[in-house]
Amino acid sequence: MLEPKTVFPVFFVIWIALGILGLVYFNSDKSVAEKRRYFPRFVIGAGALFALVVFLMVPWGAGLLFAPFVVLVTWMNLRMTRFCDCGRVVVNQTWWRKMIYCPFCGKKLDEWVEKN
């Protein structure tokens, strides 16, 4: 276990940089296929980074208590974020219903899954 006062500032800077990088990249005019390919890797990597920092700052037993929550948040981010063919990022705000159509262009969201 490392001292939080040494780990947290480094983590905070990296976390802010990841947030800005993700915001710029996934809201840019890159190809939709590229966004769909890299988004799961980005979210899983961010979750792993967060879990690593938790495990470095707290005892292992307490760290294991946080692990299911990190997995849950990662799964929810993957499940609730879609990329429409119009290039927009669509985040479903209703947990209990699947978003079928893009609120920006009206196109069916998961048509790309059926094509591939």
N, C-alpha and C. Protein backbone atom coordinates (compact mmCIF):
# COMPACT_ATOMS: atom_id res chain seq x y z
N MET A 1 0.85 -1.17 0.00
CA MET A 1 0.00 0.00 0.00
C MET A 1 0.90 1.24 0.00
N LEU A 2 0.64 2.12 -0.96
CA LEU A 2 1.40 3.36 -1.06
C LEU A 2 0.64 4.49 -0.38
N GLU A 3 1.35 5.54 -0.10
CA GLU A 3 0.73 6.71 0.52
C GLU A 3 -0.19 7.39 -0.48
N PRO A 4 -1.45 7.66 -0.10
CA PRO A 4 -2.37 8.35 -1.01
C PRO A 4 -1.86 9.71 -1.45
N LYS A 5 -1.10 10.40 -0.60
CA LYS A 5 -0.62 11.73 -0.98
C LYS A 5 0.42 11.67 -2.10
N THR A 6 1.01 10.50 -2.36
CA THR A 6 1.94 10.37 -3.48
C THR A 6 1.24 9.82 -4.73
N VAL A 7 0.26 8.95 -4.54
CA VAL A 7 -0.42 8.31 -5.67
C VAL A 7 -1.50 9.21 -6.25
N PHE A 8 -2.28 9.84 -5.40
CA PHE A 8 -3.46 10.56 -5.87
C PHE A 8 -3.16 11.72 -6.81
N PRO A 9 -2.16 12.57 -6.55
CA PRO A 9 -1.91 13.67 -7.51
C PRO A 9 -1.56 13.18 -8.91
N VAL A 10 -0.76 12.12 -9.00
CA VAL A 10 -0.42 11.56 -10.31
C VAL A 10 -1.68 10.98 -10.97
N PHE A 11 -2.45 10.25 -10.22
CA PHE A 11 -3.70 9.69 -10.74
C PHE A 11 -4.64 10.80 -11.20
N PHE A 12 -4.76 11.85 -10.43
CA PHE A 12 -5.67 12.95 -10.75
C PHE A 12 -5.30 13.59 -12.08
N VAL A 13 -4.01 13.84 -12.30
CA VAL A 13 -3.56 14.44 -13.56
C VAL A 13 -3.83 13.49 -14.73
N ILE A 14 -3.53 12.20 -14.56
CA ILE A 14 -3.77 11.22 -15.62
C ILE A 14 -5.27 11.10 -15.89
N TRP A 15 -6.09 11.11 -14.85
CA TRP A 15 -7.54 10.97 -15.00
C TRP A 15 -8.13 12.16 -15.77
N ILE A 16 -7.68 13.36 -15.44
CA ILE A 16 -8.14 14.56 -16.15
C ILE A 16 -7.70 14.49 -17.62
N ALA A 17 -6.47 14.08 -17.86
CA ALA A 17 -5.97 13.96 -19.24
C ALA A 17 -6.77 12.92 -20.02
N LEU A 18 -7.09 11.79 -19.39
CA LEU A 18 -7.91 10.76 -20.05
C LEU A 18 -9.31 11.29 -20.36
N GLY A 19 -9.87 12.04 -19.45
CA GLY A 19 -11.20 12.61 -19.67
C GLY A 19 -11.21 13.57 -20.84
N ILE A 20 -10.22 14.44 -20.91
CA ILE A 20 -10.14 15.39 -22.03
C ILE A 20 -9.86 14.65 -23.34
N LEU A 21 -8.94 13.70 -23.31
CA LEU A 21 -8.63 12.92 -24.50
C LEU A 21 -9.86 12.18 -25.01
N GLY A 22 -10.59 11.53 -24.11
CA GLY A 22 -11.80 10.80 -24.51
C GLY A 22 -12.87 11.73 -25.05
N LEU A 23 -13.05 12.85 -24.41
CA LEU A 23 -14.05 13.82 -24.86
C LEU A 23 -13.73 14.33 -26.26
N VAL A 24 -12.48 14.70 -26.47
CA VAL A 24 -12.08 15.23 -27.78
C VAL A 24 -12.15 14.14 -28.85
N TYR A 25 -11.61 12.96 -28.56
CA TYR A 25 -11.54 11.90 -29.56
C TYR A 25 -12.92 11.38 -29.94
N PHE A 26 -13.73 11.04 -28.95
CA PHE A 26 -15.01 10.39 -29.26
C PHE A 26 -16.08 11.38 -29.73
N ASN A 27 -15.86 12.67 -29.57
CA ASN A 27 -16.78 13.67 -30.12
C ASN A 27 -16.22 14.32 -31.38
N SER A 28 -15.12 13.79 -31.89
CA SER A 28 -14.51 14.35 -33.09
C SER A 28 -15.16 13.77 -34.34
N ASP A 29 -14.62 14.14 -35.48
CA ASP A 29 -15.16 13.67 -36.76
C ASP A 29 -14.47 12.40 -37.24
N LYS A 30 -13.92 11.63 -36.36
CA LYS A 30 -13.31 10.36 -36.74
C LYS A 30 -14.38 9.41 -37.26
N SER A 31 -13.96 8.34 -37.91
CA SER A 31 -14.94 7.40 -38.43
C SER A 31 -15.68 6.71 -37.29
N VAL A 32 -16.93 6.41 -37.55
CA VAL A 32 -17.77 5.77 -36.54
C VAL A 32 -17.24 4.38 -36.22
N ALA A 33 -16.77 3.66 -37.23
CA ALA A 33 -16.23 2.32 -37.00
C ALA A 33 -15.01 2.38 -36.07
N GLU A 34 -14.19 3.40 -36.23
CA GLU A 34 -13.02 3.55 -35.38
C GLU A 34 -13.43 3.84 -33.94
N LYS A 35 -14.43 4.70 -33.77
CA LYS A 35 -14.93 5.00 -32.42
C LYS A 35 -15.50 3.75 -31.77
N ARG A 36 -16.26 2.97 -32.54
CA ARG A 36 -16.84 1.74 -32.00
C ARG A 36 -15.77 0.73 -31.63
N ARG A 37 -14.67 0.72 -32.37
CA ARG A 37 -13.60 -0.22 -32.09
C ARG A 37 -12.81 0.17 -30.84
N TYR A 38 -12.54 1.48 -30.66
CA TYR A 38 -11.67 1.91 -29.58
C TYR A 38 -12.39 2.25 -28.28
N PHE A 39 -13.69 2.51 -28.33
CA PHE A 39 -14.40 2.87 -27.11
C PHE A 39 -14.36 1.78 -26.04
N PRO A 40 -14.63 0.51 -26.37
CA PRO A 40 -14.54 -0.52 -25.31
C PRO A 40 -13.15 -0.61 -24.69
N ARG A 41 -12.13 -0.49 -25.50
CA ARG A 41 -10.76 -0.54 -24.97
C ARG A 41 -10.50 0.64 -24.04
N PHE A 42 -10.99 1.81 -24.43
CA PHE A 42 -10.80 3.01 -23.62
C PHE A 42 -11.50 2.87 -22.27
N VAL A 43 -12.75 2.41 -22.28
CA VAL A 43 -13.53 2.29 -21.04
C VAL A 43 -12.93 1.21 -20.13
N ILE A 44 -12.56 0.09 -20.68
CA ILE A 44 -11.96 -0.98 -19.88
C ILE A 44 -10.61 -0.53 -19.31
N GLY A 45 -9.83 0.18 -20.12
CA GLY A 45 -8.55 0.71 -19.64
C GLY A 45 -8.72 1.72 -18.52
N ALA A 46 -9.71 2.59 -18.65
CA ALA A 46 -9.97 3.57 -17.59
C ALA A 46 -10.43 2.88 -16.31
N GLY A 47 -11.28 1.86 -16.45
CA GLY A 47 -11.71 1.09 -15.27
C GLY A 47 -10.55 0.37 -14.61
N ALA A 48 -9.67 -0.19 -15.42
CA ALA A 48 -8.50 -0.88 -14.87
C ALA A 48 -7.56 0.10 -14.17
N LEU A 49 -7.40 1.29 -14.75
CA LEU A 49 -6.57 2.31 -14.10
C LEU A 49 -7.16 2.72 -12.76
N PHE A 50 -8.46 2.93 -12.72
CA PHE A 50 -9.11 3.31 -11.48
C PHE A 50 -8.95 2.21 -10.42
N ALA A 51 -9.17 0.95 -10.83
CA ALA A 51 -9.01 -0.17 -9.90
C ALA A 51 -7.58 -0.27 -9.40
N LEU A 52 -6.61 -0.05 -10.28
CA LEU A 52 -5.21 -0.11 -9.88
C LEU A 52 -4.89 0.95 -8.82
N VAL A 53 -5.39 2.15 -9.02
CA VAL A 53 -5.14 3.21 -8.05
C VAL A 53 -5.79 2.88 -6.71
N VAL A 54 -7.00 2.34 -6.75
CA VAL A 54 -7.66 1.96 -5.50
C VAL A 54 -6.83 0.90 -4.79
N PHE A 55 -6.35 -0.10 -5.54
CA PHE A 55 -5.56 -1.16 -4.91
C PHE A 55 -4.22 -0.64 -4.40
N LEU A 56 -3.68 0.40 -5.00
CA LEU A 56 -2.42 0.97 -4.51
C LEU A 56 -2.60 1.80 -3.25
N MET A 57 -3.78 2.38 -3.07
CA MET A 57 -3.98 3.32 -1.95
C MET A 57 -4.65 2.70 -0.73
N VAL A 58 -5.34 1.59 -0.87
CA VAL A 58 -6.05 1.00 0.27
C VAL A 58 -5.58 -0.44 0.48
N PRO A 59 -5.82 -1.01 1.65
CA PRO A 59 -5.48 -2.43 1.86
C PRO A 59 -6.23 -3.32 0.88
N TRP A 60 -5.69 -4.50 0.61
CA TRP A 60 -6.25 -5.40 -0.39
C TRP A 60 -7.70 -5.76 -0.11
N GLY A 61 -8.03 -5.98 1.14
CA GLY A 61 -9.41 -6.34 1.48
C GLY A 61 -10.39 -5.25 1.09
N ALA A 62 -10.04 -4.01 1.37
CA ALA A 62 -10.90 -2.89 1.00
C ALA A 62 -10.92 -2.71 -0.51
N GLY A 63 -9.80 -2.96 -1.15
CA GLY A 63 -9.73 -2.87 -2.61
C GLY A 63 -10.65 -3.86 -3.29
N LEU A 64 -10.74 -5.05 -2.71
CA LEU A 64 -11.64 -6.07 -3.27
C LEU A 64 -13.11 -5.68 -3.14
N LEU A 65 -13.43 -4.86 -2.14
CA LEU A 65 -14.80 -4.37 -2.02
C LEU A 65 -15.16 -3.40 -3.14
N PHE A 66 -14.16 -2.65 -3.64
CA PHE A 66 -14.40 -1.68 -4.72
C PHE A 66 -14.48 -2.34 -6.09
N ALA A 67 -13.86 -3.50 -6.27
CA ALA A 67 -13.77 -4.14 -7.58
C ALA A 67 -15.13 -4.36 -8.24
N PRO A 68 -16.15 -4.89 -7.54
CA PRO A 68 -17.44 -5.08 -8.22
C PRO A 68 -18.06 -3.77 -8.69
N PHE A 69 -17.84 -2.70 -7.97
CA PHE A 69 -18.39 -1.41 -8.39
C PHE A 69 -17.69 -0.87 -9.63
N VAL A 70 -16.39 -1.08 -9.72
CA VAL A 70 -15.65 -0.66 -10.90
C VAL A 70 -16.12 -1.47 -12.11
N VAL A 71 -16.31 -2.76 -11.92
CA VAL A 71 -16.82 -3.61 -13.01
C VAL A 71 -18.22 -3.17 -13.41
N LEU A 72 -19.08 -2.86 -12.46
CA LEU A 72 -20.44 -2.43 -12.76
C LEU A 72 -20.45 -1.12 -13.55
N VAL A 73 -19.67 -0.15 -13.14
CA VAL A 73 -19.62 1.14 -13.85
C VAL A 73 -19.05 0.95 -15.25
N THR A 74 -18.04 0.12 -15.39
CA THR A 74 -17.47 -0.16 -16.72
C THR A 74 -18.50 -0.81 -17.61
N TRP A 75 -19.21 -1.81 -17.10
CA TRP A 75 -20.24 -2.49 -17.88
C TRP A 75 -21.35 -1.52 -18.27
N MET A 76 -21.76 -0.66 -17.35
CA MET A 76 -22.82 0.31 -17.67
C MET A 76 -22.37 1.29 -18.75
N ASN A 77 -21.13 1.75 -18.68
CA ASN A 77 -20.62 2.64 -19.73
C ASN A 77 -20.62 1.95 -21.09
N LEU A 78 -20.20 0.70 -21.12
CA LEU A 78 -20.19 -0.03 -22.39
C LEU A 78 -21.60 -0.29 -22.91
N ARG A 79 -22.52 -0.59 -22.02
CA ARG A 79 -23.88 -0.94 -22.42
C ARG A 79 -24.69 0.28 -22.84
N MET A 80 -24.44 1.41 -22.24
CA MET A 80 -25.31 2.56 -22.44
C MET A 80 -24.78 3.60 -23.43
N THR A 81 -23.60 3.39 -23.98
CA THR A 81 -23.05 4.33 -24.93
C THR A 81 -23.02 3.70 -26.31
N ARG A 82 -23.56 4.42 -27.28
CA ARG A 82 -23.60 3.97 -28.67
C ARG A 82 -23.07 5.07 -29.57
N PHE A 83 -22.67 4.69 -30.76
CA PHE A 83 -22.22 5.65 -31.76
C PHE A 83 -23.11 5.48 -32.98
N CYS A 84 -23.83 6.54 -33.31
CA CYS A 84 -24.74 6.52 -34.44
C CYS A 84 -23.93 6.69 -35.72
N ASP A 85 -24.50 6.22 -36.83
CA ASP A 85 -23.84 6.39 -38.12
C ASP A 85 -23.71 7.86 -38.51
N CYS A 86 -24.49 8.74 -37.88
CA CYS A 86 -24.36 10.17 -38.16
C CYS A 86 -23.12 10.75 -37.49
N GLY A 87 -22.42 9.95 -36.68
CA GLY A 87 -21.19 10.38 -36.04
C GLY A 87 -21.34 10.85 -34.61
N ARG A 88 -22.54 10.90 -34.10
CA ARG A 88 -22.79 11.41 -32.75
C ARG A 88 -22.65 10.30 -31.71
N VAL A 89 -22.23 10.70 -30.52
CA VAL A 89 -22.19 9.81 -29.37
C VAL A 89 -23.57 9.88 -28.72
N VAL A 90 -24.18 8.72 -28.51
CA VAL A 90 -25.51 8.67 -27.91
C VAL A 90 -25.40 7.89 -26.61
N VAL A 91 -25.74 8.56 -25.51
CA VAL A 91 -25.71 7.92 -24.20
C VAL A 91 -27.14 7.74 -23.72
N ASN A 92 -27.50 6.52 -23.45
CA ASN A 92 -28.84 6.20 -22.97
C ASN A 92 -28.95 6.62 -21.51
N GLN A 93 -29.88 7.50 -21.22
CA GLN A 93 -30.07 7.99 -19.85
C GLN A 93 -31.08 7.18 -19.06
N THR A 94 -31.79 6.29 -19.72
CA THR A 94 -32.77 5.44 -19.03
C THR A 94 -32.21 4.03 -18.92
N TRP A 95 -31.92 3.62 -17.72
CA TRP A 95 -31.28 2.32 -17.50
C TRP A 95 -32.19 1.16 -17.84
N TRP A 96 -33.47 1.34 -17.71
CA TRP A 96 -34.39 0.22 -17.82
C TRP A 96 -34.90 0.00 -19.24
N ARG A 97 -34.56 0.90 -20.20
CA ARG A 97 -35.01 0.75 -21.57
C ARG A 97 -33.84 0.86 -22.53
N LYS A 98 -33.87 0.07 -23.57
CA LYS A 98 -32.85 0.14 -24.59
C LYS A 98 -33.18 1.27 -25.56
N MET A 99 -32.20 2.07 -25.90
CA MET A 99 -32.39 3.15 -26.85
C MET A 99 -32.31 2.55 -28.26
N ILE A 100 -33.34 2.76 -29.04
CA ILE A 100 -33.42 2.15 -30.36
C ILE A 100 -33.03 3.13 -31.46
N TYR A 101 -33.45 4.39 -31.32
CA TYR A 101 -33.22 5.38 -32.36
C TYR A 101 -32.32 6.51 -31.86
N CYS A 102 -31.54 7.06 -32.76
CA CYS A 102 -30.68 8.20 -32.45
C CYS A 102 -31.54 9.44 -32.22
N PRO A 103 -31.34 10.15 -31.11
CA PRO A 103 -32.14 11.35 -30.87
C PRO A 103 -31.73 12.52 -31.77
N PHE A 104 -30.62 12.41 -32.46
CA PHE A 104 -30.13 13.50 -33.31
C PHE A 104 -30.61 13.36 -34.76
N CYS A 105 -30.55 12.13 -35.31
CA CYS A 105 -30.93 11.97 -36.72
C CYS A 105 -32.12 11.04 -36.91
N GLY A 106 -32.51 10.28 -35.89
CA GLY A 106 -33.66 9.39 -35.97
C GLY A 106 -33.38 8.03 -36.56
N LYS A 107 -32.13 7.76 -36.93
CA LYS A 107 -31.77 6.47 -37.51
C LYS A 107 -31.72 5.38 -36.44
N LYS A 108 -32.02 4.16 -36.84
CA LYS A 108 -31.95 3.04 -35.91
C LYS A 108 -30.49 2.83 -35.49
N LEU A 109 -30.25 2.70 -34.18
CA LEU A 109 -28.88 2.69 -33.67
C LEU A 109 -28.12 1.41 -33.93
N ASP A 110 -28.74 0.28 -33.83
CA ASP A 110 -27.99 -0.97 -33.91
C ASP A 110 -28.06 -1.62 -35.27
N GLU A 111 -28.30 -0.85 -36.32
CA GLU A 111 -28.31 -1.42 -37.67
C GLU A 111 -26.93 -1.92 -38.05
N TRP A 112 -25.88 -1.26 -37.56
CA TRP A 112 -24.53 -1.66 -37.90
C TRP A 112 -24.21 -3.04 -37.36
N VAL A 113 -24.85 -3.44 -36.25
CA VAL A 113 -24.63 -4.77 -35.70
C VAL A 113 -25.22 -5.81 -36.64
N GLU A 114 -26.40 -5.50 -37.20
CA GLU A 114 -27.08 -6.44 -38.09
C GLU A 114 -26.33 -6.58 -39.40
N LYS A 115 -25.63 -5.52 -39.85
CA LYS A 115 -24.89 -5.57 -41.11
C LYS A 115 -23.62 -6.40 -40.99
N ASN A 116 -22.98 -6.37 -39.82
CA ASN A 116 -21.69 -7.03 -39.65
C ASN A 116 -21.81 -8.38 -39.02
